[in-house]
Protein backbone atom coordinates (compact mmCIF):
# COMPACT_ATOMS: atom_id res chain seq x y z
CA MET A 1 -0.33 0.07 0.22
CA PRO A 2 1.75 3.19 -1.02
CA VAL A 3 2.42 6.22 1.87
CA SER A 4 0.60 9.50 1.63
CA VAL A 5 2.78 12.32 3.11
CA PRO A 6 2.46 15.71 2.23
CA ARG A 7 4.47 17.71 0.09
CA PRO A 8 7.90 18.92 0.76
CA ALA A 9 6.55 22.84 0.90
CA GLU A 10 4.28 22.28 3.46
CA ARG A 11 6.33 19.86 6.17
CA THR A 12 10.01 22.12 5.55
CA ALA A 13 8.66 25.96 5.48
CA ALA A 14 8.52 25.84 9.80
CA LEU A 15 11.25 23.30 10.30
CA PRO A 16 14.57 24.84 11.76
CA ASP A 17 18.07 24.92 9.72
CA GLY A 18 20.25 22.05 10.20
CA GLY A 19 17.98 19.35 10.85
CA LEU A 20 17.58 16.01 8.91
CA THR A 21 16.14 15.04 5.74
CA LEU A 22 14.13 12.17 4.71
CA LEU A 23 13.61 11.59 1.65
CA VAL A 24 10.38 9.49 0.65
CA ILE A 25 10.16 7.79 -2.57
CA GLU A 26 6.72 6.60 -3.12
CA ASN A 27 4.00 6.20 -6.28
CA ASP A 28 0.71 7.39 -4.78
CA PRO A 29 0.79 10.81 -2.46
CA ALA A 30 -2.80 10.20 -2.33
CA GLY A 31 -3.24 6.80 -0.47
CA SER A 32 -4.52 5.48 2.77
CA LEU A 33 -1.78 5.87 5.38
CA SER A 34 -0.41 8.61 6.14
CA MET A 35 3.52 9.51 7.37
CA PRO A 36 4.10 9.86 11.05
CA ASP A 37 3.42 13.55 12.20
CA VAL A 38 6.46 15.64 11.67
CA ALA A 39 5.94 16.91 15.54
CA GLU A 40 6.61 13.22 16.83
CA MET A 41 10.19 12.66 14.45
CA THR A 42 13.29 14.27 15.39
CA SER A 43 17.16 13.64 14.23
CA ALA A 44 19.57 12.12 16.58
CA SER A 45 20.50 15.80 17.33
CA GLY A 46 17.08 16.73 18.75
CA LYS A 47 16.15 18.80 15.64
CA PRO A 48 12.84 17.85 13.77
CA VAL A 49 13.59 15.53 11.02
CA ARG A 50 12.34 17.50 6.99
CA ILE A 51 10.42 15.16 4.83
CA ARG A 52 10.29 15.35 0.88
CA THR A 53 8.84 13.22 -1.35
CA ALA A 54 9.10 12.10 -4.50
CA ARG A 55 7.48 10.01 -7.03
CA ASN A 56 9.69 8.60 -9.06
CA LEU A 57 14.05 8.38 -9.22
CA THR A 58 13.66 11.68 -11.51
CA GLU A 59 12.02 13.29 -9.33
CA ALA A 60 14.07 11.79 -6.25
CA GLU A 61 17.08 12.70 -8.13
CA ARG A 62 16.20 16.62 -8.36
CA LEU A 63 15.94 16.40 -4.48
CA LEU A 64 18.81 14.26 -3.71
CA THR A 65 20.95 17.34 -1.73
CA PRO A 66 23.76 16.59 0.12
CA ASP A 67 21.24 17.55 3.06
CA VAL A 68 19.42 14.53 2.77
CA GLN A 69 20.83 11.93 5.15
CA CYS A 70 17.85 9.03 4.68
CA ILE A 71 16.05 7.73 1.96
CA LEU A 72 12.82 5.76 2.60
CA LEU A 73 12.05 3.91 -0.76
CA ASP A 74 8.11 1.74 -1.16
CA LEU A 75 9.26 -1.36 -2.88
CA ALA A 76 5.80 -0.96 -4.22
CA LEU A 77 7.36 1.63 -6.56
CA PRO A 78 6.89 0.47 -10.34
CA THR A 79 10.41 0.34 -12.36
CA ALA A 80 11.22 2.10 -14.36
CA ASP A 81 11.87 0.03 -17.05
CA GLY A 82 9.21 -2.37 -16.14
CA THR A 83 11.96 -5.11 -15.45
CA ALA A 84 10.74 -8.64 -13.24
CA ASP A 85 13.46 -7.82 -10.32
CA GLU A 86 11.58 -6.31 -7.58
CA LEU A 87 14.18 -4.60 -6.07
CA ALA A 88 15.39 -3.16 -9.06
CA THR A 89 14.67 0.18 -7.78
CA LEU A 90 16.44 -0.34 -4.85
CA ARG A 91 19.18 -0.89 -6.34
CA GLN A 92 19.11 2.29 -8.43
CA VAL A 93 18.49 4.08 -5.65
CA LEU A 94 21.77 2.85 -4.24
CA ARG A 95 23.65 3.89 -7.55
CA LEU A 96 21.86 7.07 -6.81
CA ALA A 97 22.56 7.72 -3.64
CA PRO A 98 25.65 5.79 -2.70
CA ARG A 99 26.54 8.07 0.49
CA GLN A 100 22.91 7.94 2.09
CA ALA A 101 21.24 5.08 4.76
CA VAL A 102 18.24 3.63 2.76
CA LEU A 103 15.03 2.20 4.38
CA ALA A 104 12.53 -0.48 2.97
CA LEU A 105 8.96 0.17 3.44
CA THR A 106 7.45 -3.01 2.41
CA ALA A 107 3.82 -4.50 3.27
CA GLN A 108 3.68 -6.96 6.93
CA GLY A 109 3.70 -9.80 5.41
CA ASP A 110 6.75 -10.00 2.92
CA ALA A 111 9.44 -9.65 5.33
CA GLU A 112 11.11 -11.64 3.50
CA ARG A 113 11.25 -9.03 0.84
CA GLY A 114 12.27 -6.70 3.37
CA ALA A 115 15.39 -8.60 4.09
CA GLU A 116 16.47 -9.23 0.67
CA ALA A 117 16.16 -5.26 0.58
CA VAL A 118 18.63 -5.49 3.40
CA ARG A 119 21.35 -7.74 1.69
CA VAL A 120 21.02 -5.49 -1.51
CA GLY A 121 22.45 -3.01 0.72
CA ALA A 122 19.36 -1.40 2.32
CA GLN A 123 20.52 -0.41 6.04
CA ASP A 124 16.84 -1.82 7.34
CA TYR A 125 13.35 -2.45 6.18
CA LEU A 126 9.95 -1.48 7.72
CA PHE A 127 6.18 -2.69 7.20
CA ARG A 128 3.73 0.16 6.66
CA ASP A 129 1.15 -0.84 9.12
CA GLU A 130 3.21 -0.37 11.67
CA LEU A 131 4.55 3.33 10.81
CA ASP A 132 4.78 6.00 12.75
CA GLY A 133 6.69 8.42 14.75
CA ARG A 134 8.19 6.80 17.27
CA VAL A 135 9.29 3.82 14.97
CA LEU A 136 10.55 6.06 11.96
CA SER A 137 12.59 8.09 13.80
CA ARG A 138 14.31 5.58 15.84
CA ALA A 139 14.51 3.73 12.64
CA ILE A 140 16.18 6.50 10.86
CA ARG A 141 18.75 7.01 13.82
CA TYR A 142 20.06 3.65 13.52
CA ALA A 143 19.88 3.47 9.60
CA VAL A 144 21.90 6.81 9.47
CA GLU A 145 24.88 5.69 12.48
CA ARG A 146 24.44 2.24 10.37
CA LYS A 147 25.40 3.89 7.43
CA ARG A 148 28.42 5.45 8.96
CA ALA A 149 29.82 2.90 10.57
CA ASP A 150 29.58 1.06 7.39
CA CYS A 151 31.41 3.79 5.38
CA ALA A 152 34.22 4.20 8.35
CA GLN A 153 34.50 0.19 7.86
CA ARG A 154 34.87 0.49 4.14
CA GLN A 155 37.48 3.69 4.82
CA LEU A 156 39.99 1.27 6.65
CA THR A 157 39.58 -1.29 4.51
CA GLU A 158 40.49 1.31 1.65
CA SER A 159 43.22 2.50 3.95
CA PHE A 160 44.60 -1.17 4.66
CA LEU A 161 44.35 -1.97 1.08
CA HIS A 162 46.56 1.72 0.48
CA ALA A 163 49.17 0.78 2.88
CA GLN A 164 49.47 -2.40 1.12
CA GLU A 165 50.10 -0.81 -2.22
CA ASN A 166 52.11 1.46 -0.98
CA ALA A 167 54.10 -1.47 0.53
CA ARG A 168 54.43 -2.79 -2.96
CA LEU A 169 55.50 0.04 -4.72
CA GLU A 170 58.12 0.74 -1.85
CA ARG A 171 59.26 -2.63 -2.69
CA GLY A 172 59.86 -2.07 -5.90
CA LEU A 173 61.04 1.91 -5.88
CA LEU A 174 63.36 1.48 -2.93
CA PRO A 175 65.32 -1.97 -3.48
CA THR A 176 67.63 -4.35 -1.28
CA PRO A 177 71.28 -3.46 -3.08
CA LEU A 178 73.35 -6.14 -4.89
CA LEU A 179 77.08 -5.16 -3.23
CA ALA A 180 78.10 -8.65 -2.35
CA GLY A 181 82.62 -8.58 -2.64
CA SER A 182 82.07 -4.91 -3.35
CA GLU A 183 84.08 -2.90 0.11
CA LEU A 184 82.05 -0.02 -0.75
CA ARG A 185 79.25 0.81 1.96
CA PHE A 186 75.92 1.84 0.97
CA ALA A 187 72.85 3.91 2.13
CA ALA A 188 69.67 5.35 1.27
CA ARG A 189 66.65 7.34 2.46
CA TYR A 190 63.38 8.25 0.75
CA ARG A 191 61.01 10.65 1.86
CA PRO A 192 57.26 10.90 0.17
CA GLY A 193 55.90 14.50 -0.20
CA ARG A 194 53.41 15.27 2.44
CA SER A 195 50.60 16.36 -0.53
CA ARG A 196 50.88 12.57 -1.50
CA ALA A 197 49.30 9.03 0.04
CA LEU A 198 51.07 7.61 -2.50
CA LEU A 199 54.99 7.03 -2.88
CA GLY A 200 56.04 9.42 -5.94
CA GLY A 201 58.01 8.69 -8.91
CA ASP A 202 61.88 8.89 -7.02
CA PHE A 203 63.85 5.36 -7.60
CA TYR A 204 66.62 4.26 -7.07
CA ASP A 205 69.38 1.15 -7.06
CA THR A 206 72.71 -0.40 -7.17
CA VAL A 207 74.13 -3.76 -8.01
CA ARG A 208 77.51 -5.14 -8.69
CA THR A 209 77.81 -6.85 -11.65
CA PRO A 210 80.38 -10.22 -12.36
CA ASP A 211 83.66 -7.55 -13.38
CA GLY A 212 83.78 -6.44 -9.99
CA THR A 213 82.15 -2.45 -11.21
CA VAL A 214 79.62 -0.72 -8.70
CA HIS A 215 76.83 0.62 -10.38
CA ALA A 216 74.03 3.49 -8.90
CA MET A 217 71.78 5.14 -9.84
CA ILE A 218 69.09 7.29 -9.16
CA GLY A 219 66.06 8.55 -11.26
CA ASP A 220 63.11 10.96 -10.80
CA VAL A 221 59.52 10.16 -12.61
CA CYS A 222 57.72 13.66 -13.04
CA GLY A 223 54.39 13.75 -11.16
CA HIS A 224 53.42 12.19 -8.63
CA GLY A 225 50.90 9.48 -7.61
CA PRO A 226 50.10 5.68 -8.51
CA ASP A 227 51.23 6.20 -12.02
CA GLU A 228 54.52 7.68 -12.22
CA ALA A 229 55.13 5.56 -9.07
CA ALA A 230 54.66 2.46 -11.09
CA LEU A 231 56.80 3.90 -14.16
CA GLY A 232 59.55 4.46 -11.82
CA VAL A 233 59.20 1.19 -10.59
CA GLU A 234 59.43 -0.24 -14.13
CA LEU A 235 62.77 2.15 -15.06
CA ARG A 236 64.11 1.14 -11.87
CA ILE A 237 63.70 -3.10 -12.62
CA ALA A 238 64.77 -2.33 -16.34
CA TRP A 239 67.67 -0.28 -14.72
CA ARG A 240 68.83 -3.71 -12.67
CA THR A 241 68.32 -6.03 -15.64
CA LEU A 242 69.77 -4.06 -18.37
CA THR A 243 72.90 -3.55 -16.10
CA LEU A 244 73.11 -6.92 -15.10
CA ALA A 245 72.81 -7.67 -18.29
CA GLY A 246 75.53 -5.19 -19.48
CA LEU A 247 74.74 -2.49 -21.37
CA SER A 248 75.84 0.78 -20.57
CA GLY A 249 76.23 4.15 -21.67
CA ASP A 250 73.92 5.62 -24.34
CA ARG A 251 72.26 2.14 -25.25
CA LEU A 252 71.33 1.35 -22.08
CA LEU A 253 70.09 4.85 -21.53
CA SER A 254 68.36 4.83 -25.17
CA THR A 255 66.81 1.63 -23.77
CA LEU A 256 65.59 2.96 -20.76
CA GLN A 257 63.52 5.78 -22.50
CA GLN A 258 62.24 3.39 -24.67
CA VAL A 259 60.34 1.74 -21.86
CA LEU A 260 59.46 4.93 -20.76
CA GLU A 261 58.02 6.21 -23.83
CA HIS A 262 55.87 2.95 -24.34
CA GLU A 263 54.89 2.42 -20.58
CA ARG A 264 53.99 6.18 -19.58
CA SER A 265 50.16 7.24 -20.06
CA ASP A 266 51.24 10.57 -21.43
CA GLU A 267 53.38 11.56 -24.05
CA GLU A 268 54.42 14.52 -21.84
CA ILE A 269 55.85 12.50 -18.93
CA PHE A 270 59.10 12.68 -18.38
CA ALA A 271 61.76 11.08 -16.20
CA THR A 272 65.31 12.26 -15.20
CA LEU A 273 68.21 9.31 -14.14
CA CYS A 274 71.45 9.82 -12.60
CA THR A 275 73.94 7.09 -13.47
CA VAL A 276 77.46 6.29 -11.60
CA ASP A 277 79.37 3.34 -12.49
CA ILE A 278 82.45 2.90 -10.00
CA ALA A 279 85.79 1.08 -11.45
CA PRO A 280 86.30 -2.30 -9.75
CA HIS A 281 89.25 -0.31 -7.94
CA GLY A 282 87.11 2.23 -6.66
CA ARG A 283 88.73 5.52 -7.14
CA SER A 284 87.33 6.22 -10.40
CA ALA A 285 83.90 6.46 -11.96
CA ALA A 286 81.82 7.54 -14.82
CA LEU A 287 79.02 9.45 -14.45
CA ARG A 288 75.73 10.40 -16.60
CA LEU A 289 73.17 12.65 -16.35
CA ALA A 290 70.11 12.90 -18.47
CA GLY A 291 68.63 15.93 -17.03
CA HIS A 292 69.05 15.02 -13.11
CA PRO A 293 70.93 17.39 -10.56
CA ALA A 294 74.94 16.46 -10.30
CA PRO A 295 75.50 14.27 -7.32
CA LEU A 296 78.08 15.88 -4.44
CA LEU A 297 81.74 13.92 -3.99
CA ALA A 298 83.41 14.59 -0.59
CA ALA A 299 86.88 13.40 -1.39
CA ALA A 300 89.53 13.04 1.20
CA GLY A 301 91.47 16.27 1.53
CA GLU A 302 88.99 18.22 -0.51
CA PRO A 303 86.00 20.03 0.27
CA ALA A 304 83.12 18.82 -0.86
CA ARG A 305 81.41 19.65 -3.94
CA LEU A 306 79.44 19.16 -6.93
CA LEU A 307 79.99 17.71 -9.97
CA PRO A 308 80.00 19.52 -13.25
CA GLN A 309 76.25 19.28 -14.39
CA TYR A 310 77.54 17.83 -18.00
CA GLY A 311 75.25 15.86 -19.66
CA GLY A 312 71.89 14.75 -21.61
CA PRO A 313 68.15 15.69 -21.75
CA ALA A 314 65.66 13.65 -19.72
CA LEU A 315 64.40 10.62 -20.89
CA GLY A 316 61.34 10.73 -22.82
CA LEU A 317 62.05 14.17 -24.32
CA LEU A 318 63.70 14.02 -26.96
CA PRO A 319 64.06 11.34 -29.40
CA GLN A 320 67.78 9.57 -30.71
CA THR A 321 69.46 11.36 -28.36
CA HIS A 322 72.78 11.11 -26.41
CA TRP A 323 74.23 11.13 -23.38
CA PRO A 324 77.86 11.79 -22.80
CA CYS A 325 80.33 10.59 -20.32
CA LEU A 326 81.74 12.47 -17.19
CA ASP A 327 85.31 10.69 -15.95
CA VAL A 328 85.25 11.67 -12.53
CA GLN A 329 88.79 11.43 -10.12
CA LEU A 330 87.49 9.78 -6.83
CA GLY A 331 90.54 9.03 -4.96
CA ASP A 332 91.33 6.88 -2.38
CA SER A 333 88.20 7.73 -0.04
CA TRP A 334 85.79 9.61 -0.46
CA SER A 335 81.57 10.06 -0.35
CA LEU A 336 79.42 10.31 -3.29
CA MET A 337 75.70 11.40 -2.75
CA LEU A 338 72.92 10.96 -5.18
CA TYR A 339 69.75 12.67 -4.65
CA THR A 340 66.32 13.91 -5.97
CA ASP A 341 65.32 17.47 -6.52
CA GLY A 342 63.42 16.84 -3.78
CA LEU A 343 66.44 17.84 -1.78
CA ILE A 344 67.69 20.98 -2.70
CA GLU A 345 63.46 22.55 -3.33
CA GLY A 346 62.41 22.81 0.39
CA ARG A 347 62.39 26.46 1.15
CA VAL A 348 64.86 28.34 3.70
CA GLY A 349 62.62 30.33 6.24
CA ASP A 350 60.14 32.00 5.47
CA ASP A 351 60.66 33.72 2.57
CA ALA A 352 60.82 32.41 -0.81
CA ARG A 353 64.18 31.28 -1.29
CA ARG A 354 65.03 28.07 -1.88
CA LEU A 355 67.89 25.45 -0.29
CA GLY A 356 69.57 25.24 -3.85
CA GLN A 357 72.44 22.69 -4.76
CA GLU A 358 74.81 25.57 -2.98
CA GLY A 359 73.12 25.36 0.11
CA MET A 360 73.13 21.28 0.23
CA VAL A 361 76.46 21.48 -0.12
CA GLU A 362 77.56 23.96 2.62
CA MET A 363 74.98 21.94 4.65
CA VAL A 364 76.98 17.85 3.95
CA ALA A 365 79.76 19.55 4.62
CA ARG A 366 79.52 21.10 7.46
CA GLN A 367 77.94 17.90 8.74
CA LEU A 368 81.20 15.78 7.41
CA LYS A 369 83.59 18.29 9.35
CA GLU A 370 81.68 16.96 12.53
CA GLY A 371 81.88 13.29 11.58
CA LEU A 372 78.76 12.45 10.39
CA ARG A 373 78.68 9.29 8.05
CA GLY A 374 76.90 7.33 6.17
CA GLU A 375 73.12 6.60 7.67
CA GLU A 376 73.42 9.36 10.34
CA LEU A 377 74.96 11.75 7.14
CA LEU A 378 71.71 11.53 5.73
CA ASP A 379 69.56 11.35 8.71
CA ALA A 380 71.04 14.67 9.89
CA THR A 381 70.77 15.94 6.11
CA VAL A 382 67.03 15.21 5.94
CA ALA A 383 66.23 16.45 9.59
CA GLU A 384 68.04 19.63 8.71
CA VAL A 385 65.82 20.58 5.51
CA HIS A 386 62.57 19.53 6.72
CA ALA A 387 63.78 21.88 9.88
CA LEU A 388 64.83 24.72 7.17
CA ASN A 389 61.79 24.06 5.20
CA GLY A 390 59.24 24.26 8.71
CA GLY A 391 57.71 21.49 8.18
CA GLU A 392 57.19 17.96 5.38
CA LEU A 393 58.52 18.74 2.22
CA THR A 394 55.60 18.92 -0.65
CA ASP A 395 58.18 17.14 -3.05
CA ASP A 396 59.68 13.40 -2.34
CA LEU A 397 63.40 13.54 -1.31
CA ALA A 398 65.21 10.24 -2.02
CA MET A 399 69.43 10.04 -1.50
CA VAL A 400 71.92 7.64 -2.02
CA LEU A 401 74.60 7.48 -0.34
CA LEU A 402 78.55 5.16 -1.41
CA ASP A 403 81.34 5.29 0.50
CA ARG A 404 84.71 4.26 0.55
């Protein structure tokens, strides 16, 4: 039996602002069973319930404003497409109003249909013949709170899955170095920017090939989010595979560029890269830069300094390009720091000045004089960059440190 309710204007004009709004969807406002008196119905806050009425889903969609927290749906409402599915209209309402609680209204002898409505997604069901202000008011409160609990549980589940996704991406972006047999010491740090829940596109890796050469790299995919993080993982794995297969120099970088061009989601996506191949004796290295900031070198008896910014364009910008090699003399004892631009783009104090590469060199040189090395040096650098910035950085930060 359909439910009869007054027109929205009759029920909403005298209600105070801020009360809960109930949207009733039923097919015959002239039916013999009336809705309970508004005066008998209150929301959880104690304020009266505002009632709106819709004869069909078209009207319901128009009346479904953000203040609507609960929907009372008459299951006797005919389906718009004439389908035999008795709950088709309920399914449409659930798709139309994913954030609202839904109460199903059914006949006294049709409890199974009401229970099925709950299994489909409604928060509860009511019998038309037992509808009164107290019952409906309690049902609305229960349905709204249950919907909130369901949403909270869903958010917890999504957060858990999100954390698992982060962990998988982190394992791909931040691998365990393959340095068995090398005398070099390795340390690394990664900090995602505060504006993103997912890791960004920074990545790094270090491997030692059978000839004793230690190969290190660090890179940064432009942009942030799961697509960029996934692309960073692909480039890192491709670099490790190609390096262990014996590729180096332009052949390696041009192949990585092909991987990027085939895997990126947009033609404007590019990646910067820094690669260092340290000779087996550990006293010299070959440096290649693809649009990436030059590493910092601190050799024994010499002040910390940036290596020359000598290289080619970022991967994905120009076809058939060339990345020149710079031979670097390291000496017997040294520290080599590779980093992404998140380290140098943090602000210094309240003004708009960036830390920059010069500021980074001064900072690291001072910390080296204080005797910091390895993990302690990276931790101190990250902490000071954060302090100068006044908090977390807006961009991802990655650092790799090799010592001899």
